[in-house]
Amino acid sequence: ANSPSFEDKAVLEFFETSGRNLLAAEKLAGVKHHIALS
């Protein structure tokens, strides 16, 4: 996933919020491999 906005504050909020939510859900689900495109 990529941020829909390239504005500084919006980009940071997107990647931090999305990242925290996704990784927390993965822990609960027992995901064995997280891959990110950077």
PDB file of all heavy atoms in Angstrom:
ATOM      1  N   ALA A   1       0.826  -1.204   0.000  1.00  0.00           N
ATOM      2  CA  ALA A   1       0.000   0.000   0.000  1.00  0.00           C
ATOM      3  C   ALA A   1       0.863   1.257   0.000  1.00  0.00           C
ATOM      4  O   ALA A   1       1.976   1.268   0.536  1.00  0.00           O
ATOM      5  CB  ALA A   1      -0.925   0.009   1.214  1.00  0.00           C
ATOM      6  N   ASN A   2       0.331   2.316  -0.608  1.00  0.00           N
ATOM      7  CA  ASN A   2       1.045   3.588  -0.642  1.00  0.00           C
ATOM      8  C   ASN A   2       0.138   4.691  -0.127  1.00  0.00           C
ATOM      9  O   ASN A   2      -1.093   4.595  -0.216  1.00  0.00           O
ATOM     10  CB  ASN A   2       1.507   3.917  -2.065  1.00  0.00           C
ATOM     11  CG  ASN A   2       2.698   4.859  -2.090  1.00  0.00           C
ATOM     12  OD1 ASN A   2       3.196   5.280  -1.052  1.00  0.00           O
ATOM     13  ND2 ASN A   2       3.150   5.204  -3.279  1.00  0.00           N
ATOM     14  N   SER A   3       0.744   5.734   0.393  1.00  0.00           N
ATOM     15  CA  SER A   3      -0.029   6.852   0.922  1.00  0.00           C
ATOM     16  C   SER A   3      -0.778   7.562  -0.207  1.00  0.00           C
ATOM     17  O   SER A   3      -0.197   7.848  -1.258  1.00  0.00           O
ATOM     18  CB  SER A   3       0.899   7.849   1.618  1.00  0.00           C
ATOM     19  OG  SER A   3       0.176   9.004   1.992  1.00  0.00           O
ATOM     20  N   PRO A   4      -2.061   7.863  -0.013  1.00  0.00           N
ATOM     21  CA  PRO A   4      -2.810   8.593  -1.040  1.00  0.00           C
ATOM     22  C   PRO A   4      -2.393  10.058  -1.149  1.00  0.00           C
ATOM     23  O   PRO A   4      -2.687  10.716  -2.144  1.00  0.00           O
ATOM     24  CB  PRO A   4      -4.265   8.466  -0.573  1.00  0.00           C
ATOM     25  CG  PRO A   4      -4.174   8.237   0.898  1.00  0.00           C
ATOM     26  CD  PRO A   4      -2.914   7.474   1.125  1.00  0.00           C
ATOM     27  N   SER A   5      -1.686  10.564  -0.140  1.00  0.00           N
ATOM     28  CA  SER A   5      -1.219  11.945  -0.151  1.00  0.00           C
ATOM     29  C   SER A   5       0.293  11.970   0.030  1.00  0.00           C
ATOM     30  O   SER A   5       0.848  11.148   0.761  1.00  0.00           O
ATOM     31  CB  SER A   5      -1.874  12.745   0.984  1.00  0.00           C
ATOM     32  OG  SER A   5      -1.227  14.001   1.151  1.00  0.00           O
ATOM     33  N   PHE A   6       0.961  12.904  -0.663  1.00  0.00           N
ATOM     34  CA  PHE A   6       2.414  13.047  -0.515  1.00  0.00           C
ATOM     35  C   PHE A   6       2.755  14.235   0.389  1.00  0.00           C
ATOM     36  O   PHE A   6       3.917  14.603   0.521  1.00  0.00           O
ATOM     37  CB  PHE A   6       3.070  13.211  -1.887  1.00  0.00           C
ATOM     38  CG  PHE A   6       3.340  11.900  -2.584  1.00  0.00           C
ATOM     39  CD1 PHE A   6       2.470  10.827  -2.460  1.00  0.00           C
ATOM     40  CD2 PHE A   6       4.473  11.732  -3.355  1.00  0.00           C
ATOM     41  CE1 PHE A   6       2.706   9.625  -3.101  1.00  0.00           C
ATOM     42  CE2 PHE A   6       4.734  10.510  -4.002  1.00  0.00           C
ATOM     43  CZ  PHE A   6       3.841   9.464  -3.869  1.00  0.00           C
ATOM     44  N   GLU A   7       1.756  14.827   1.020  1.00  0.00           N
ATOM     45  CA  GLU A   7       1.987  15.931   1.954  1.00  0.00           C
ATOM     46  C   GLU A   7       2.688  15.369   3.196  1.00  0.00           C
ATOM     47  O   GLU A   7       2.335  14.293   3.699  1.00  0.00           O
ATOM     48  CB  GLU A   7       0.637  16.575   2.319  1.00  0.00           C
ATOM     49  CG  GLU A   7       0.751  17.866   3.117  1.00  0.00           C
ATOM     50  CD  GLU A   7       0.847  17.616   4.606  1.00  0.00           C
ATOM     51  OE1 GLU A   7       0.171  16.705   5.107  1.00  0.00           O
ATOM     52  OE2 GLU A   7       1.635  18.330   5.259  1.00  0.00           O
ATOM     53  N   ASP A   8       3.697  16.089   3.692  1.00  0.00           N
ATOM     54  CA  ASP A   8       4.590  15.550   4.724  1.00  0.00           C
ATOM     55  C   ASP A   8       3.849  14.904   5.900  1.00  0.00           C
ATOM     56  O   ASP A   8       4.109  13.748   6.256  1.00  0.00           O
ATOM     57  CB  ASP A   8       5.505  16.667   5.253  1.00  0.00           C
ATOM     58  CG  ASP A   8       6.583  17.056   4.247  1.00  0.00           C
ATOM     59  OD1 ASP A   8       6.581  16.513   3.126  1.00  0.00           O
ATOM     60  OD2 ASP A   8       7.416  17.909   4.595  1.00  0.00           O
ATOM     61  N   LYS A   9       2.957  15.650   6.538  1.00  0.00           N
ATOM     62  CA  LYS A   9       2.280  15.153   7.737  1.00  0.00           C
ATOM     63  C   LYS A   9       1.384  13.963   7.409  1.00  0.00           C
ATOM     64  O   LYS A   9       1.345  12.967   8.137  1.00  0.00           O
ATOM     65  CB  LYS A   9       1.461  16.295   8.355  1.00  0.00           C
ATOM     66  CG  LYS A   9       0.820  15.969   9.699  1.00  0.00           C
ATOM     67  CD  LYS A   9       0.286  17.251  10.349  1.00  0.00           C
ATOM     68  CE  LYS A   9      -0.322  16.967  11.717  1.00  0.00           C
ATOM     69  NZ  LYS A   9      -1.674  16.382  11.597  1.00  0.00           N
ATOM     70  N   ALA A  10       0.676  14.055   6.277  1.00  0.00           N
ATOM     71  CA  ALA A  10      -0.255  12.987   5.895  1.00  0.00           C
ATOM     72  C   ALA A  10       0.482  11.691   5.590  1.00  0.00           C
ATOM     73  O   ALA A  10       0.020  10.593   5.940  1.00  0.00           O
ATOM     74  CB  ALA A  10      -1.083  13.426   4.692  1.00  0.00           C
ATOM     75  N   VAL A  11       1.639  11.793   4.926  1.00  0.00           N
ATOM     76  CA  VAL A  11       2.428  10.595   4.598  1.00  0.00           C
ATOM     77  C   VAL A  11       2.893   9.903   5.866  1.00  0.00           C
ATOM     78  O   VAL A  11       2.766   8.678   6.016  1.00  0.00           O
ATOM     79  CB  VAL A  11       3.644  10.959   3.720  1.00  0.00           C
ATOM     80  CG1 VAL A  11       4.607   9.793   3.630  1.00  0.00           C
ATOM     81  CG2 VAL A  11       3.201  11.350   2.328  1.00  0.00           C
ATOM     82  N   LEU A  12       3.433  10.667   6.801  1.00  0.00           N
ATOM     83  CA  LEU A  12       3.932  10.081   8.040  1.00  0.00           C
ATOM     84  C   LEU A  12       2.801   9.411   8.812  1.00  0.00           C
ATOM     85  O   LEU A  12       2.941   8.281   9.302  1.00  0.00           O
ATOM     86  CB  LEU A  12       4.598  11.160   8.904  1.00  0.00           C
ATOM     87  CG  LEU A  12       5.272  10.660  10.187  1.00  0.00           C
ATOM     88  CD1 LEU A  12       6.387   9.671   9.870  1.00  0.00           C
ATOM     89  CD2 LEU A  12       5.799  11.832  11.007  1.00  0.00           C
ATOM     90  N   GLU A  13       1.664  10.088   8.911  1.00  0.00           N
ATOM     91  CA  GLU A  13       0.517   9.518   9.627  1.00  0.00           C
ATOM     92  C   GLU A  13       0.033   8.241   8.950  1.00  0.00           C
ATOM     93  O   GLU A  13      -0.325   7.264   9.621  1.00  0.00           O
ATOM     94  CB  GLU A  13      -0.623  10.537   9.711  1.00  0.00           C
ATOM     95  CG  GLU A  13      -0.340  11.672  10.688  1.00  0.00           C
ATOM     96  CD  GLU A  13      -1.469  12.683  10.761  1.00  0.00           C
ATOM     97  OE1 GLU A  13      -2.431  12.568   9.978  1.00  0.00           O
ATOM     98  OE2 GLU A  13      -1.398  13.581  11.627  1.00  0.00           O
ATOM     99  N   PHE A  14       0.030   8.231   7.616  1.00  0.00           N
ATOM    100  CA  PHE A  14      -0.429   7.037   6.899  1.00  0.00           C
ATOM    101  C   PHE A  14       0.455   5.844   7.215  1.00  0.00           C
ATOM    102  O   PHE A  14      -0.027   4.775   7.610  1.00  0.00           O
ATOM    103  CB  PHE A  14      -0.453   7.280   5.386  1.00  0.00           C
ATOM    104  CG  PHE A  14      -0.809   6.043   4.601  1.00  0.00           C
ATOM    105  CD1 PHE A  14      -2.125   5.713   4.357  1.00  0.00           C
ATOM    106  CD2 PHE A  14       0.189   5.187   4.128  1.00  0.00           C
ATOM    107  CE1 PHE A  14      -2.462   4.553   3.659  1.00  0.00           C
ATOM    108  CE2 PHE A  14      -0.141   4.023   3.423  1.00  0.00           C
ATOM    109  CZ  PHE A  14      -1.460   3.716   3.195  1.00  0.00           C
ATOM    110  N   PHE A  15       1.761   5.989   7.027  1.00  0.00           N
ATOM    111  CA  PHE A  15       2.646   4.843   7.193  1.00  0.00           C
ATOM    112  C   PHE A  15       2.744   4.394   8.649  1.00  0.00           C
ATOM    113  O   PHE A  15       2.849   3.194   8.920  1.00  0.00           O
ATOM    114  CB  PHE A  15       4.031   5.148   6.617  1.00  0.00           C
ATOM    115  CG  PHE A  15       4.065   5.087   5.114  1.00  0.00           C
ATOM    116  CD1 PHE A  15       4.437   6.199   4.369  1.00  0.00           C
ATOM    117  CD2 PHE A  15       3.721   3.929   4.443  1.00  0.00           C
ATOM    118  CE1 PHE A  15       4.467   6.150   2.979  1.00  0.00           C
ATOM    119  CE2 PHE A  15       3.745   3.869   3.052  1.00  0.00           C
ATOM    120  CZ  PHE A  15       4.109   4.983   2.320  1.00  0.00           C
ATOM    121  N   GLU A  16       2.686   5.339   9.599  1.00  0.00           N
ATOM    122  CA  GLU A  16       2.738   4.946  11.013  1.00  0.00           C
ATOM    123  C   GLU A  16       1.444   4.257  11.440  1.00  0.00           C
ATOM    124  O   GLU A  16       1.470   3.206  12.089  1.00  0.00           O
ATOM    125  CB  GLU A  16       3.021   6.167  11.882  1.00  0.00           C
ATOM    126  CG  GLU A  16       4.461   6.659  11.772  1.00  0.00           C
ATOM    127  CD  GLU A  16       4.810   7.718  12.789  1.00  0.00           C
ATOM    128  OE1 GLU A  16       3.905   8.463  13.223  1.00  0.00           O
ATOM    129  OE2 GLU A  16       5.996   7.805  13.152  1.00  0.00           O
ATOM    130  N   THR A  17       0.303   4.837  11.097  1.00  0.00           N
ATOM    131  CA  THR A  17      -0.979   4.259  11.507  1.00  0.00           C
ATOM    132  C   THR A  17      -1.221   2.924  10.832  1.00  0.00           C
ATOM    133  O   THR A  17      -1.576   1.924  11.474  1.00  0.00           O
ATOM    134  CB  THR A  17      -2.137   5.224  11.183  1.00  0.00           C
ATOM    135  OG1 THR A  17      -1.898   6.473  11.825  1.00  0.00           O
ATOM    136  CG2 THR A  17      -3.460   4.659  11.644  1.00  0.00           C
ATOM    137  N   SER A  18      -1.014   2.891   9.520  1.00  0.00           N
ATOM    138  CA  SER A  18      -1.205   1.657   8.768  1.00  0.00           C
ATOM    139  C   SER A  18      -0.258   0.565   9.270  1.00  0.00           C
ATOM    140  O   SER A  18      -0.670  -0.586   9.480  1.00  0.00           O
ATOM    141  CB  SER A  18      -0.968   1.920   7.280  1.00  0.00           C
ATOM    142  OG  SER A  18      -1.079   0.732   6.530  1.00  0.00           O
ATOM    143  N   GLY A  19       0.994   0.941   9.478  1.00  0.00           N
ATOM    144  CA  GLY A  19       1.977  -0.029   9.934  1.00  0.00           C
ATOM    145  C   GLY A  19       1.635  -0.615  11.294  1.00  0.00           C
ATOM    146  O   GLY A  19       1.693  -1.837  11.493  1.00  0.00           O
ATOM    147  N   ARG A  20       1.262   0.242  12.242  1.00  0.00           N
ATOM    148  CA  ARG A  20       0.929  -0.244  13.585  1.00  0.00           C
ATOM    149  C   ARG A  20      -0.280  -1.178  13.556  1.00  0.00           C
ATOM    150  O   ARG A  20      -0.276  -2.249  14.178  1.00  0.00           O
ATOM    151  CB  ARG A  20       0.651   0.943  14.517  1.00  0.00           C
ATOM    152  CG  ARG A  20       1.900   1.711  14.927  1.00  0.00           C
ATOM    153  CD  ARG A  20       1.610   2.639  16.107  1.00  0.00           C
ATOM    154  NE  ARG A  20       2.794   3.396  16.458  1.00  0.00           N
ATOM    155  CZ  ARG A  20       3.011   4.656  16.100  1.00  0.00           C
ATOM    156  NH1 ARG A  20       2.102   5.300  15.367  1.00  0.00           N
ATOM    157  NH2 ARG A  20       4.114   5.285  16.458  1.00  0.00           N
ATOM    158  N   ASN A  21      -1.329  -0.761  12.847  1.00  0.00           N
ATOM    159  CA  ASN A  21      -2.547  -1.571  12.789  1.00  0.00           C
ATOM    160  C   ASN A  21      -2.291  -2.916  12.119  1.00  0.00           C
ATOM    161  O   ASN A  21      -2.760  -3.964  12.593  1.00  0.00           O
ATOM    162  CB  ASN A  21      -3.648  -0.826  12.031  1.00  0.00           C
ATOM    163  CG  ASN A  21      -4.221   0.339  12.827  1.00  0.00           C
ATOM    164  OD1 ASN A  21      -4.057   0.406  14.037  1.00  0.00           O
ATOM    165  ND2 ASN A  21      -4.892   1.244  12.149  1.00  0.00           N
ATOM    166  N   LEU A  22      -1.558  -2.890  11.022  1.00  0.00           N
ATOM    167  CA  LEU A  22      -1.306  -4.119  10.278  1.00  0.00           C
ATOM    168  C   LEU A  22      -0.438  -5.087  11.073  1.00  0.00           C
ATOM    169  O   LEU A  22      -0.751  -6.284  11.176  1.00  0.00           O
ATOM    170  CB  LEU A  22      -0.639  -3.781   8.940  1.00  0.00           C
ATOM    171  CG  LEU A  22      -0.340  -4.950   8.001  1.00  0.00           C
ATOM    172  CD1 LEU A  22      -1.600  -5.739   7.686  1.00  0.00           C
ATOM    173  CD2 LEU A  22       0.309  -4.439   6.717  1.00  0.00           C
ATOM    174  N   LEU A  23       0.630  -4.593  11.668  1.00  0.00           N
ATOM    175  CA  LEU A  23       1.532  -5.467  12.420  1.00  0.00           C
ATOM    176  C   LEU A  23       0.853  -6.035  13.669  1.00  0.00           C
ATOM    177  O   LEU A  23       1.068  -7.204  14.017  1.00  0.00           O
ATOM    178  CB  LEU A  23       2.803  -4.697  12.788  1.00  0.00           C
ATOM    179  CG  LEU A  23       3.702  -4.347  11.591  1.00  0.00           C
ATOM    180  CD1 LEU A  23       4.706  -3.267  11.967  1.00  0.00           C
ATOM    181  CD2 LEU A  23       4.419  -5.583  11.055  1.00  0.00           C
ATOM    182  N   ALA A  24       0.012  -5.239  14.320  1.00  0.00           N
ATOM    183  CA  ALA A  24      -0.722  -5.732  15.491  1.00  0.00           C
ATOM    184  C   ALA A  24      -1.680  -6.852  15.090  1.00  0.00           C
ATOM    185  O   ALA A  24      -1.790  -7.881  15.777  1.00  0.00           O
ATOM    186  CB  ALA A  24      -1.488  -4.591  16.151  1.00  0.00           C
ATOM    187  N   ALA A  25      -2.368  -6.672  13.962  1.00  0.00           N
ATOM    188  CA  ALA A  25      -3.291  -7.704  13.484  1.00  0.00           C
ATOM    189  C   ALA A  25      -2.537  -8.966  13.068  1.00  0.00           C
ATOM    190  O   ALA A  25      -3.017 -10.089  13.265  1.00  0.00           O
ATOM    191  CB  ALA A  25      -4.114  -7.157  12.316  1.00  0.00           C
ATOM    192  N   GLU A  26      -1.361  -8.791  12.503  1.00  0.00           N
ATOM    193  CA  GLU A  26      -0.554  -9.943  12.090  1.00  0.00           C
ATOM    194  C   GLU A  26      -0.100 -10.755  13.308  1.00  0.00           C
ATOM    195  O   GLU A  26      -0.084 -11.993  13.274  1.00  0.00           O
ATOM    196  CB  GLU A  26       0.661  -9.480  11.290  1.00  0.00           C
ATOM    197  CG  GLU A  26       0.329  -9.009   9.885  1.00  0.00           C
ATOM    198  CD  GLU A  26       1.562  -8.541   9.123  1.00  0.00           C
ATOM    199  OE1 GLU A  26       2.664  -9.048   9.407  1.00  0.00           O
ATOM    200  OE2 GLU A  26       1.423  -7.680   8.248  1.00  0.00           O
ATOM    201  N   LYS A  27       0.259 -10.070  14.387  1.00  0.00           N
ATOM    202  CA  LYS A  27       0.672 -10.783  15.600  1.00  0.00           C
ATOM    203  C   LYS A  27      -0.460 -11.656  16.119  1.00  0.00           C
ATOM    204  O   LYS A  27      -0.257 -12.827  16.484  1.00  0.00           O
ATOM    205  CB  LYS A  27       1.107  -9.774  16.681  1.00  0.00           C
ATOM    206  CG  LYS A  27       2.542  -9.326  16.548  1.00  0.00           C
ATOM    207  CD  LYS A  27       2.996  -8.622  17.814  1.00  0.00           C
ATOM    208  CE  LYS A  27       4.488  -8.334  17.750  1.00  0.00           C
ATOM    209  NZ  LYS A  27       4.996  -7.673  18.966  1.00  0.00           N
ATOM    210  N   LEU A  28      -1.663 -11.103  16.154  1.00  0.00           N
ATOM    211  CA  LEU A  28      -2.821 -11.850  16.638  1.00  0.00           C
ATOM    212  C   LEU A  28      -3.130 -13.034  15.727  1.00  0.00           C
ATOM    213  O   LEU A  28      -3.583 -14.083  16.188  1.00  0.00           O
ATOM    214  CB  LEU A  28      -4.049 -10.928  16.727  1.00  0.00           C
ATOM    215  CG  LEU A  28      -3.995  -9.862  17.826  1.00  0.00           C
ATOM    216  CD1 LEU A  28      -5.186  -8.924  17.718  1.00  0.00           C
ATOM    217  CD2 LEU A  28      -3.962 -10.519  19.208  1.00  0.00           C
ATOM    218  N   ALA A  29      -2.891 -12.870  14.435  1.00  0.00           N
ATOM    219  CA  ALA A  29      -3.206 -13.929  13.469  1.00  0.00           C
ATOM    220  C   ALA A  29      -2.100 -14.965  13.336  1.00  0.00           C
ATOM    221  O   ALA A  29      -2.286 -15.996  12.689  1.00  0.00           O
ATOM    222  CB  ALA A  29      -3.495 -13.307  12.108  1.00  0.00           C
ATOM    223  N   GLY A  30      -0.931 -14.681  13.913  1.00  0.00           N
ATOM    224  CA  GLY A  30       0.182 -15.620  13.823  1.00  0.00           C
ATOM    225  C   GLY A  30       0.874 -15.644  12.469  1.00  0.00           C
ATOM    226  O   GLY A  30       1.397 -16.679  12.040  1.00  0.00           O
ATOM    227  N   VAL A  31       0.879 -14.501  11.794  1.00  0.00           N
ATOM    228  CA  VAL A  31       1.531 -14.405  10.487  1.00  0.00           C
ATOM    229  C   VAL A  31       3.026 -14.702  10.632  1.00  0.00           C
ATOM    230  O   VAL A  31       3.678 -14.229  11.564  1.00  0.00           O
ATOM    231  CB  VAL A  31       1.305 -13.000   9.869  1.00  0.00           C
ATOM    232  CG1 VAL A  31       2.189 -12.781   8.650  1.00  0.00           C
ATOM    233  CG2 VAL A  31      -0.169 -12.831   9.497  1.00  0.00           C
ATOM    234  N   LYS A  32       3.565 -15.461   9.684  1.00  0.00           N
ATOM    235  CA  LYS A  32       4.947 -15.935   9.798  1.00  0.00           C
ATOM    236  C   LYS A  32       5.954 -15.114   8.982  1.00  0.00           C
ATOM    237  O   LYS A  32       7.161 -15.283   9.136  1.00  0.00           O
ATOM    238  CB  LYS A  32       5.033 -17.398   9.363  1.00  0.00           C
ATOM    239  CG  LYS A  32       4.234 -18.346  10.248  1.00  0.00           C
ATOM    240  CD  LYS A  32       4.359 -19.778   9.753  1.00  0.00           C
ATOM    241  CE  LYS A  32       3.695 -20.766  10.693  1.00  0.00           C
ATOM    242  NZ  LYS A  32       2.239 -20.557  10.798  1.00  0.00           N
ATOM    243  N   HIS A  33       5.461 -14.247   8.078  1.00  0.00           N
ATOM    244  CA  HIS A  33       6.394 -13.476   7.237  1.00  0.00           C
ATOM    245  C   HIS A  33       5.710 -12.193   6.788  1.00  0.00           C
ATOM    246  O   HIS A  33       4.702 -12.234   6.083  1.00  0.00           O
ATOM    247  CB  HIS A  33       6.806 -14.314   6.014  1.00  0.00           C
ATOM    248  CG  HIS A  33       7.907 -13.724   5.198  1.00  0.00           C
ATOM    249  ND1 HIS A  33       8.349 -14.289   4.005  1.00  0.00           N
ATOM    250  CD2 HIS A  33       8.692 -12.613   5.370  1.00  0.00           C
ATOM    251  CE1 HIS A  33       9.337 -13.570   3.501  1.00  0.00           C
ATOM    252  NE2 HIS A  33       9.555 -12.538   4.308  1.00  0.00           N
ATOM    253  N   HIS A  34       6.266 -11.066   7.211  1.00  0.00           N
ATOM    254  CA  HIS A  34       5.767  -9.749   6.792  1.00  0.00           C
ATOM    255  C   HIS A  34       6.745  -9.193   5.757  1.00  0.00           C
ATOM    256  O   HIS A  34       7.947  -9.115   5.997  1.00  0.00           O
ATOM    257  CB  HIS A  34       5.688  -8.794   7.983  1.00  0.00           C
ATOM    258  CG  HIS A  34       5.270  -7.406   7.610  1.00  0.00           C
ATOM    259  ND1 HIS A  34       3.963  -6.991   7.657  1.00  0.00           N
ATOM    260  CD2 HIS A  34       5.977  -6.340   7.160  1.00  0.00           C
ATOM    261  CE1 HIS A  34       3.882  -5.726   7.253  1.00  0.00           C
ATOM    262  NE2 HIS A  34       5.098  -5.313   6.949  1.00  0.00           N
ATOM    263  N   ILE A  35       6.191  -8.787   4.615  1.00  0.00           N
ATOM    264  CA  ILE A  35       7.015  -8.258   3.528  1.00  0.00           C
ATOM    265  C   ILE A  35       6.529  -6.859   3.193  1.00  0.00           C
ATOM    266  O   ILE A  35       5.321  -6.631   3.053  1.00  0.00           O
ATOM    267  CB  ILE A  35       6.912  -9.147   2.267  1.00  0.00           C
ATOM    268  CG1 ILE A  35       7.356 -10.573   2.601  1.00  0.00           C
ATOM    269  CG2 ILE A  35       7.737  -8.573   1.118  1.00  0.00           C
ATOM    270  CD1 ILE A  35       6.809 -11.615   1.653  1.00  0.00           C
ATOM    271  N   ALA A  36       7.436  -5.925   3.087  1.00  0.00           N
ATOM    272  CA  ALA A  36       7.064  -4.554   2.734  1.00  0.00           C
ATOM    273  C   ALA A  36       7.897  -4.067   1.568  1.00  0.00           C
ATOM    274  O   ALA A  36       9.099  -4.346   1.480  1.00  0.00           O
ATOM    275  CB  ALA A  36       7.254  -3.615   3.930  1.00  0.00           C
ATOM    276  N   LEU A  37       7.243  -3.348   0.682  1.00  0.00           N
ATOM    277  CA  LEU A  37       7.938  -2.731  -0.452  1.00  0.00           C
ATOM    278  C   LEU A  37       8.278  -1.293  -0.083  1.00  0.00           C
ATOM    279  O   LEU A  37       7.397  -0.499   0.232  1.00  0.00           O
ATOM    280  CB  LEU A  37       7.044  -2.764  -1.691  1.00  0.00           C
ATOM    281  CG  LEU A  37       7.632  -2.177  -2.978  1.00  0.00           C
ATOM    282  CD1 LEU A  37       8.900  -2.914  -3.386  1.00  0.00           C
ATOM    283  CD2 LEU A  37       6.597  -2.248  -4.101  1.00  0.00           C
ATOM    284  N   SER A  38       9.565  -0.981  -0.109  1.00  0.00           N
ATOM    285  CA  SER A  38      10.027   0.367   0.208  1.00  0.00           C
ATOM    286  C   SER A  38      10.924   0.847  -0.936  1.00  0.00           C
ATOM    287  O   SER A  38      10.861   0.320  -2.040  1.00  0.00           O
ATOM    288  CB  SER A  38      10.736   0.380   1.562  1.00  0.00           C
ATOM    289  OG  SER A  38      10.925   1.706   2.024  1.00  0.00           O
TER     290      SER A  38
END
